[in-house]
Structure formats: structure tokens, C-alpha cells
Amino acid sequence: MVTLAMMVAIGVVISPILRIEGFCPTAHFVNIVCSVFLGPWYSLLNACIIAFLRMTLMSIPPLAITGQVFGAVLSGILYKASKGSIFYACLGEVIGTGIIGAIISYPVMSLLWGKTGLTWLFYVPSFLIATIMGSTVAFIFLQVLKRNGSLYAIQRKLGVMDYEKSKRTI
């Protein structure tokens, strides 16, 4: 719970960095790190709490939800399914947010929020660019932790299944 609270705090505090509507690469970084450290369901909870706080404290539209939750859970699911591949955790974030979340943002923003002039693919370019940026930083960060053995030590201390003995290199 303490780790989850720290991830939420980090996610809220660093979210204004490079943030414009539909573009928040720091959220994707936090999603992937949380998925690898805690798993898909804690990552989903983390994304929901961060999105709620960003919407209430920073007046961010519902894009905070659609731009986080799908990538967070898919990142964790692909990380577990691949037996610890950081690449697949990052890919899950890109697909979940960059494509699924971006497409779901259209009806949310046009029907519920009243934005006009949008198309189904309106948010895809900005969401994809932001997720690729955040995923790249998360990939490098987690690879460094993996190389020096810290990643597995963190996972063990958190009681999360680690994949140290996995033959995965990516």
C-alpha cells in the first residue's frame, strides 16, 4: 500500500511535465513502472486514483481516465504473460493507451464532455507520441534497474513475482 501511495504521489506531482490535452508522457512512465513493480491490478488502481486526483485538483478533462487506465492494465497483463519482459510491458502501454484509450476518448469527449469537431482517431497521434515517449523512458529506467539487480530486489521486497531466472533479454 505504501508503494502504491508513493506511485500515486509521483504520478500526480510529475504529471504537469510536458502535459497538454491528450499528451502526458509522464503518466505512461508511472503506469509501466507500477505494472512491473506491483502488477496489473495495482497498476489499474494507481491509474484510476491518479486520474481522479488530476481531474479534481488540476481541472483535467476525462482524458485523464481514458489516457491511463487501459494502458496501465494492459501493461501489467502483458508483463505477466510474457514472464517479465519489460518490452511487452511497454508495448501494452502503447497499445492500451495509444490506440484503445485514444479511440475510447472520442465518445467520452464528444458525447459526455461536449467537444465538437472530433473524429474517432482524433486523439491517436498525440496519445501514441506521449505513450512512446513515456514507454521509452520507462524501458530505459527499468532496464537499468534490471541490469544492476535492483528490479528483482524491489519485486521480492514487495512480494511480487519476479522473473530473475527468466531467459528474457528484452
C-alpha atoms as a PDB file:
ATOM      1  CA  MET A   1       0.000   0.000   0.000  1.00  0.00           C
ATOM      2  CA  VAL A   2       2.863   2.368   0.771  1.00  0.00           C
ATOM      3  CA  THR A   3       4.426   1.690  -2.624  1.00  0.00           C
ATOM      4  CA  LEU A   4       1.081   2.302  -4.321  1.00  0.00           C
ATOM      5  CA  ALA A   5       0.698   5.580  -2.425  1.00  0.00           C
ATOM      6  CA  MET A   6       4.200   6.628  -3.500  1.00  0.00           C
ATOM      7  CA  MET A   7       3.418   5.770  -7.136  1.00  0.00           C
ATOM      8  CA  VAL A   8       0.221   7.848  -6.944  1.00  0.00           C
ATOM      9  CA  ALA A   9       2.108  10.774  -5.413  1.00  0.00           C
ATOM     10  CA  ILE A  10       4.817  10.595  -8.067  1.00  0.00           C
ATOM     11  CA  GLY A  11       2.211  10.318 -10.821  1.00  0.00           C
ATOM     12  CA  VAL A  12       0.319  13.391  -9.649  1.00  0.00           C
ATOM     13  CA  VAL A  13       3.397  15.512  -8.976  1.00  0.00           C
ATOM     14  CA  ILE A  14       5.196  14.841 -12.272  1.00  0.00           C
ATOM     15  CA  SER A  15       2.080  14.869 -14.481  1.00  0.00           C
ATOM     16  CA  PRO A  16       2.304  18.589 -15.374  1.00  0.00           C
ATOM     17  CA  ILE A  17       5.688  17.964 -17.050  1.00  0.00           C
ATOM     18  CA  LEU A  18       5.156  18.136 -20.829  1.00  0.00           C
ATOM     19  CA  ARG A  19       1.384  17.931 -20.343  1.00  0.00           C
ATOM     20  CA  ILE A  20      -1.093  19.366 -22.814  1.00  0.00           C
ATOM     21  CA  GLU A  21      -4.569  17.998 -23.502  1.00  0.00           C
ATOM     22  CA  GLY A  22      -4.224  14.430 -24.718  1.00  0.00           C
ATOM     23  CA  PHE A  23      -0.471  14.373 -24.116  1.00  0.00           C
ATOM     24  CA  CYS A  24       1.033  13.296 -20.780  1.00  0.00           C
ATOM     25  CA  PRO A  25       4.116  11.086 -21.223  1.00  0.00           C
ATOM     26  CA  THR A  26       4.921  11.043 -17.510  1.00  0.00           C
ATOM     27  CA  ALA A  27       1.650   9.196 -16.798  1.00  0.00           C
ATOM     28  CA  HIS A  28       2.756   6.367 -19.069  1.00  0.00           C
ATOM     29  CA  PHE A  29       6.116   6.147 -17.355  1.00  0.00           C
ATOM     30  CA  VAL A  30       4.395   5.755 -13.974  1.00  0.00           C
ATOM     31  CA  ASN A  31       1.922   3.198 -15.384  1.00  0.00           C
ATOM     32  CA  ILE A  32       4.668   0.924 -16.673  1.00  0.00           C
ATOM     33  CA  VAL A  33       6.825   1.174 -13.559  1.00  0.00           C
ATOM     34  CA  CYS A  34       3.794   0.423 -11.384  1.00  0.00           C
ATOM     35  CA  SER A  35       2.839  -2.538 -13.605  1.00  0.00           C
ATOM     36  CA  VAL A  36       6.313  -4.022 -13.272  1.00  0.00           C
ATOM     37  CA  PHE A  37       6.638  -3.310  -9.547  1.00  0.00           C
ATOM     38  CA  LEU A  38       3.115  -4.213  -8.403  1.00  0.00           C
ATOM     39  CA  GLY A  39       1.229  -5.990 -11.196  1.00  0.00           C
ATOM     40  CA  PRO A  40      -1.751  -5.178 -13.419  1.00  0.00           C
ATOM     41  CA  TRP A  41      -4.476  -4.677 -10.820  1.00  0.00           C
ATOM     42  CA  TYR A  42      -2.484  -2.330  -8.624  1.00  0.00           C
ATOM     43  CA  SER A  43      -1.446  -0.513 -11.778  1.00  0.00           C
ATOM     44  CA  LEU A  44      -5.117  -0.115 -12.720  1.00  0.00           C
ATOM     45  CA  LEU A  45      -5.918   1.182  -9.235  1.00  0.00           C
ATOM     46  CA  ASN A  46      -2.919   3.521  -9.429  1.00  0.00           C
ATOM     47  CA  ALA A  47      -4.077   4.892 -12.788  1.00  0.00           C
ATOM     48  CA  CYS A  48      -7.644   5.435 -11.540  1.00  0.00           C
ATOM     49  CA  ILE A  49      -6.519   7.274  -8.406  1.00  0.00           C
ATOM     50  CA  ILE A  50      -4.060   9.451 -10.322  1.00  0.00           C
ATOM     51  CA  ALA A  51      -6.682  10.241 -12.979  1.00  0.00           C
ATOM     52  CA  PHE A  52      -9.257  11.168 -10.324  1.00  0.00           C
ATOM     53  CA  LEU A  53      -6.776  13.414  -8.492  1.00  0.00           C
ATOM     54  CA  ARG A  54      -5.629  15.075 -11.712  1.00  0.00           C
ATOM     55  CA  MET A  55      -9.231  15.705 -12.748  1.00  0.00           C
ATOM     56  CA  THR A  56     -10.224  17.216  -9.397  1.00  0.00           C
ATOM     57  CA  LEU A  57      -7.046  19.098  -8.490  1.00  0.00           C
ATOM     58  CA  MET A  58      -5.831  20.179 -11.923  1.00  0.00           C
ATOM     59  CA  SER A  59      -9.126  20.548 -13.842  1.00  0.00           C
ATOM     60  CA  ILE A  60      -8.059  17.971 -16.406  1.00  0.00           C
ATOM     61  CA  PRO A  61     -10.848  16.561 -18.618  1.00  0.00           C
ATOM     62  CA  PRO A  62     -11.824  12.861 -18.621  1.00  0.00           C
ATOM     63  CA  LEU A  63      -8.858  12.209 -20.890  1.00  0.00           C
ATOM     64  CA  ALA A  64      -7.032  11.610 -17.607  1.00  0.00           C
ATOM     65  CA  ILE A  65      -9.025   8.395 -17.260  1.00  0.00           C
ATOM     66  CA  THR A  66      -9.107   7.206 -20.869  1.00  0.00           C
ATOM     67  CA  GLY A  67      -5.457   8.118 -21.263  1.00  0.00           C
ATOM     68  CA  GLN A  68      -4.297   5.988 -18.353  1.00  0.00           C
ATOM     69  CA  VAL A  69      -6.425   3.029 -17.348  1.00  0.00           C
ATOM     70  CA  PHE A  70      -6.305   0.891 -20.494  1.00  0.00           C
ATOM     71  CA  GLY A  71      -2.550   1.151 -20.863  1.00  0.00           C
ATOM     72  CA  ALA A  72      -1.954   0.557 -17.167  1.00  0.00           C
ATOM     73  CA  VAL A  73      -3.817  -2.727 -17.018  1.00  0.00           C
ATOM     74  CA  LEU A  74      -2.628  -3.992 -20.420  1.00  0.00           C
ATOM     75  CA  SER A  75       0.951  -3.168 -19.489  1.00  0.00           C
ATOM     76  CA  GLY A  76       0.721  -5.293 -16.364  1.00  0.00           C
ATOM     77  CA  ILE A  77      -1.089  -8.144 -18.117  1.00  0.00           C
ATOM     78  CA  LEU A  78       1.479  -8.341 -20.923  1.00  0.00           C
ATOM     79  CA  TYR A  79       4.341  -8.117 -18.414  1.00  0.00           C
ATOM     80  CA  LYS A  80       2.957 -11.121 -16.523  1.00  0.00           C
ATOM     81  CA  ALA A  81       2.014 -13.051 -19.681  1.00  0.00           C
ATOM     82  CA  SER A  82       5.495 -12.582 -21.131  1.00  0.00           C
ATOM     83  CA  LYS A  83       7.093 -13.775 -17.871  1.00  0.00           C
ATOM     84  CA  GLY A  84       8.844 -10.491 -17.157  1.00  0.00           C
ATOM     85  CA  SER A  85       9.554  -8.810 -20.479  1.00  0.00           C
ATOM     86  CA  ILE A  86       9.909  -5.071 -19.974  1.00  0.00           C
ATOM     87  CA  PHE A  87       9.440  -4.623 -23.714  1.00  0.00           C
ATOM     88  CA  TYR A  88       5.980  -6.223 -23.537  1.00  0.00           C
ATOM     89  CA  ALA A  89       5.062  -4.074 -20.544  1.00  0.00           C
ATOM     90  CA  CYS A  90       5.896  -1.011 -22.640  1.00  0.00           C
ATOM     91  CA  LEU A  91       4.078  -2.425 -25.667  1.00  0.00           C
ATOM     92  CA  GLY A  92       0.979  -2.980 -23.529  1.00  0.00           C
ATOM     93  CA  GLU A  93       1.025   0.675 -22.511  1.00  0.00           C
ATOM     94  CA  VAL A  94       1.402   1.831 -26.114  1.00  0.00           C
ATOM     95  CA  ILE A  95      -1.434  -0.371 -27.389  1.00  0.00           C
ATOM     96  CA  GLY A  96      -3.682   0.161 -24.366  1.00  0.00           C
ATOM     97  CA  THR A  97      -3.392   3.922 -24.227  1.00  0.00           C
ATOM     98  CA  GLY A  98      -2.050   4.923 -27.635  1.00  0.00           C
ATOM     99  CA  ILE A  99      -4.719   3.042 -29.559  1.00  0.00           C
ATOM    100  CA  ILE A 100      -7.526   1.716 -27.311  1.00  0.00           C
ATOM    101  CA  GLY A 101      -7.614   4.679 -24.906  1.00  0.00           C
ATOM    102  CA  ALA A 102      -7.312   7.188 -27.746  1.00  0.00           C
ATOM    103  CA  ILE A 103     -10.242   5.694 -29.635  1.00  0.00           C
ATOM    104  CA  ILE A 104     -12.399   5.464 -26.498  1.00  0.00           C
ATOM    105  CA  SER A 105     -11.598   9.121 -25.801  1.00  0.00           C
ATOM    106  CA  TYR A 106     -13.659  10.190 -28.799  1.00  0.00           C
ATOM    107  CA  PRO A 107     -17.116   9.266 -27.448  1.00  0.00           C
ATOM    108  CA  VAL A 108     -16.158  10.380 -23.939  1.00  0.00           C
ATOM    109  CA  MET A 109     -15.043  13.812 -25.072  1.00  0.00           C
ATOM    110  CA  SER A 110     -17.696  14.376 -27.749  1.00  0.00           C
ATOM    111  CA  LEU A 111     -20.777  12.916 -26.045  1.00  0.00           C
ATOM    112  CA  LEU A 112     -20.065  13.415 -22.357  1.00  0.00           C
ATOM    113  CA  TRP A 113     -17.807  16.468 -22.435  1.00  0.00           C
ATOM    114  CA  GLY A 114     -19.467  18.243 -25.404  1.00  0.00           C
ATOM    115  CA  LYS A 115     -16.401  18.681 -27.618  1.00  0.00           C
ATOM    116  CA  THR A 116     -17.308  19.100 -31.271  1.00  0.00           C
ATOM    117  CA  GLY A 117     -15.332  18.514 -34.445  1.00  0.00           C
ATOM    118  CA  LEU A 118     -13.667  15.321 -33.249  1.00  0.00           C
ATOM    119  CA  THR A 119     -13.229  12.086 -35.172  1.00  0.00           C
ATOM    120  CA  TRP A 120     -12.625   8.553 -33.883  1.00  0.00           C
ATOM    121  CA  LEU A 121      -8.892   8.897 -34.498  1.00  0.00           C
ATOM    122  CA  PHE A 122      -8.504  12.488 -33.257  1.00  0.00           C
ATOM    123  CA  TYR A 123      -6.510  11.586 -30.133  1.00  0.00           C
ATOM    124  CA  VAL A 124      -4.483   8.712 -31.614  1.00  0.00           C
ATOM    125  CA  PRO A 125      -1.456  10.760 -32.794  1.00  0.00           C
ATOM    126  CA  SER A 126      -0.961  12.663 -29.518  1.00  0.00           C
ATOM    127  CA  PHE A 127      -1.664   9.602 -27.356  1.00  0.00           C
ATOM    128  CA  LEU A 128       0.754   7.474 -29.403  1.00  0.00           C
ATOM    129  CA  ILE A 129       3.543  10.038 -29.262  1.00  0.00           C
ATOM    130  CA  ALA A 130       3.076  10.509 -25.498  1.00  0.00           C
ATOM    131  CA  THR A 131       2.984   6.758 -24.797  1.00  0.00           C
ATOM    132  CA  ILE A 132       6.056   6.134 -26.917  1.00  0.00           C
ATOM    133  CA  MET A 133       7.921   8.877 -25.047  1.00  0.00           C
ATOM    134  CA  GLY A 134       6.833   7.640 -21.606  1.00  0.00           C
ATOM    135  CA  SER A 135       7.438   3.996 -22.558  1.00  0.00           C
ATOM    136  CA  THR A 136      10.927   4.746 -23.803  1.00  0.00           C
ATOM    137  CA  VAL A 137      11.889   6.433 -20.546  1.00  0.00           C
ATOM    138  CA  ALA A 138      10.298   3.601 -18.521  1.00  0.00           C
ATOM    139  CA  PHE A 139      12.068   0.980 -20.644  1.00  0.00           C
ATOM    140  CA  ILE A 140      15.470   2.601 -20.074  1.00  0.00           C
ATOM    141  CA  PHE A 141      14.789   3.116 -16.350  1.00  0.00           C
ATOM    142  CA  LEU A 142      13.639  -0.478 -15.797  1.00  0.00           C
ATOM    143  CA  GLN A 143      16.474  -1.932 -17.903  1.00  0.00           C
ATOM    144  CA  VAL A 144      18.988  -0.093 -15.724  1.00  0.00           C
ATOM    145  CA  LEU A 145      17.306  -1.477 -12.599  1.00  0.00           C
ATOM    146  CA  LYS A 146      17.280  -4.941 -14.158  1.00  0.00           C
ATOM    147  CA  ARG A 147      20.961  -4.836 -15.128  1.00  0.00           C
ATOM    148  CA  ASN A 148      22.144  -3.905 -11.661  1.00  0.00           C
ATOM    149  CA  GLY A 149      19.782  -6.379  -9.951  1.00  0.00           C
ATOM    150  CA  SER A 150      17.661  -3.754  -8.226  1.00  0.00           C
ATOM    151  CA  LEU A 151      14.481  -4.598 -10.130  1.00  0.00           C
ATOM    152  CA  TYR A 152      14.316  -8.133  -8.780  1.00  0.00           C
ATOM    153  CA  ALA A 153      15.238  -6.992  -5.288  1.00  0.00           C
ATOM    154  CA  ILE A 154      12.400  -4.456  -5.362  1.00  0.00           C
ATOM    155  CA  GLN A 155       9.939  -7.055  -6.658  1.00  0.00           C
ATOM    156  CA  ARG A 156      10.954  -9.564  -3.997  1.00  0.00           C
ATOM    157  CA  LYS A 157      10.627  -6.995  -1.209  1.00  0.00           C
ATOM    158  CA  LEU A 158       7.165  -6.073  -2.485  1.00  0.00           C
ATOM    159  CA  GLY A 159       6.159  -9.730  -2.650  1.00  0.00           C
ATOM    160  CA  VAL A 160       5.590  -9.584  -6.380  1.00  0.00           C
ATOM    161  CA  MET A 161       6.536 -12.490  -8.627  1.00  0.00           C
ATOM    162  CA  ASP A 162       9.913 -11.693 -10.117  1.00  0.00           C
ATOM    163  CA  TYR A 163      11.338 -13.116 -13.292  1.00  0.00           C
ATOM    164  CA  GLU A 164      15.049 -13.065 -12.437  1.00  0.00           C
ATOM    165  CA  LYS A 165      15.638 -16.575 -13.683  1.00  0.00           C
ATOM    166  CA  SER A 166      13.862 -15.830 -16.951  1.00  0.00           C
ATOM    167  CA  LYS A 167      15.989 -16.005 -20.077  1.00  0.00           C
ATOM    168  CA  ARG A 168      14.366 -12.831 -21.407  1.00  0.00           C
ATOM    169  CA  THR A 169      16.841 -10.194 -22.538  1.00  0.00           C
ATOM    170  CA  ILE A 170      14.346  -7.600 -23.728  1.00  0.00           C
END
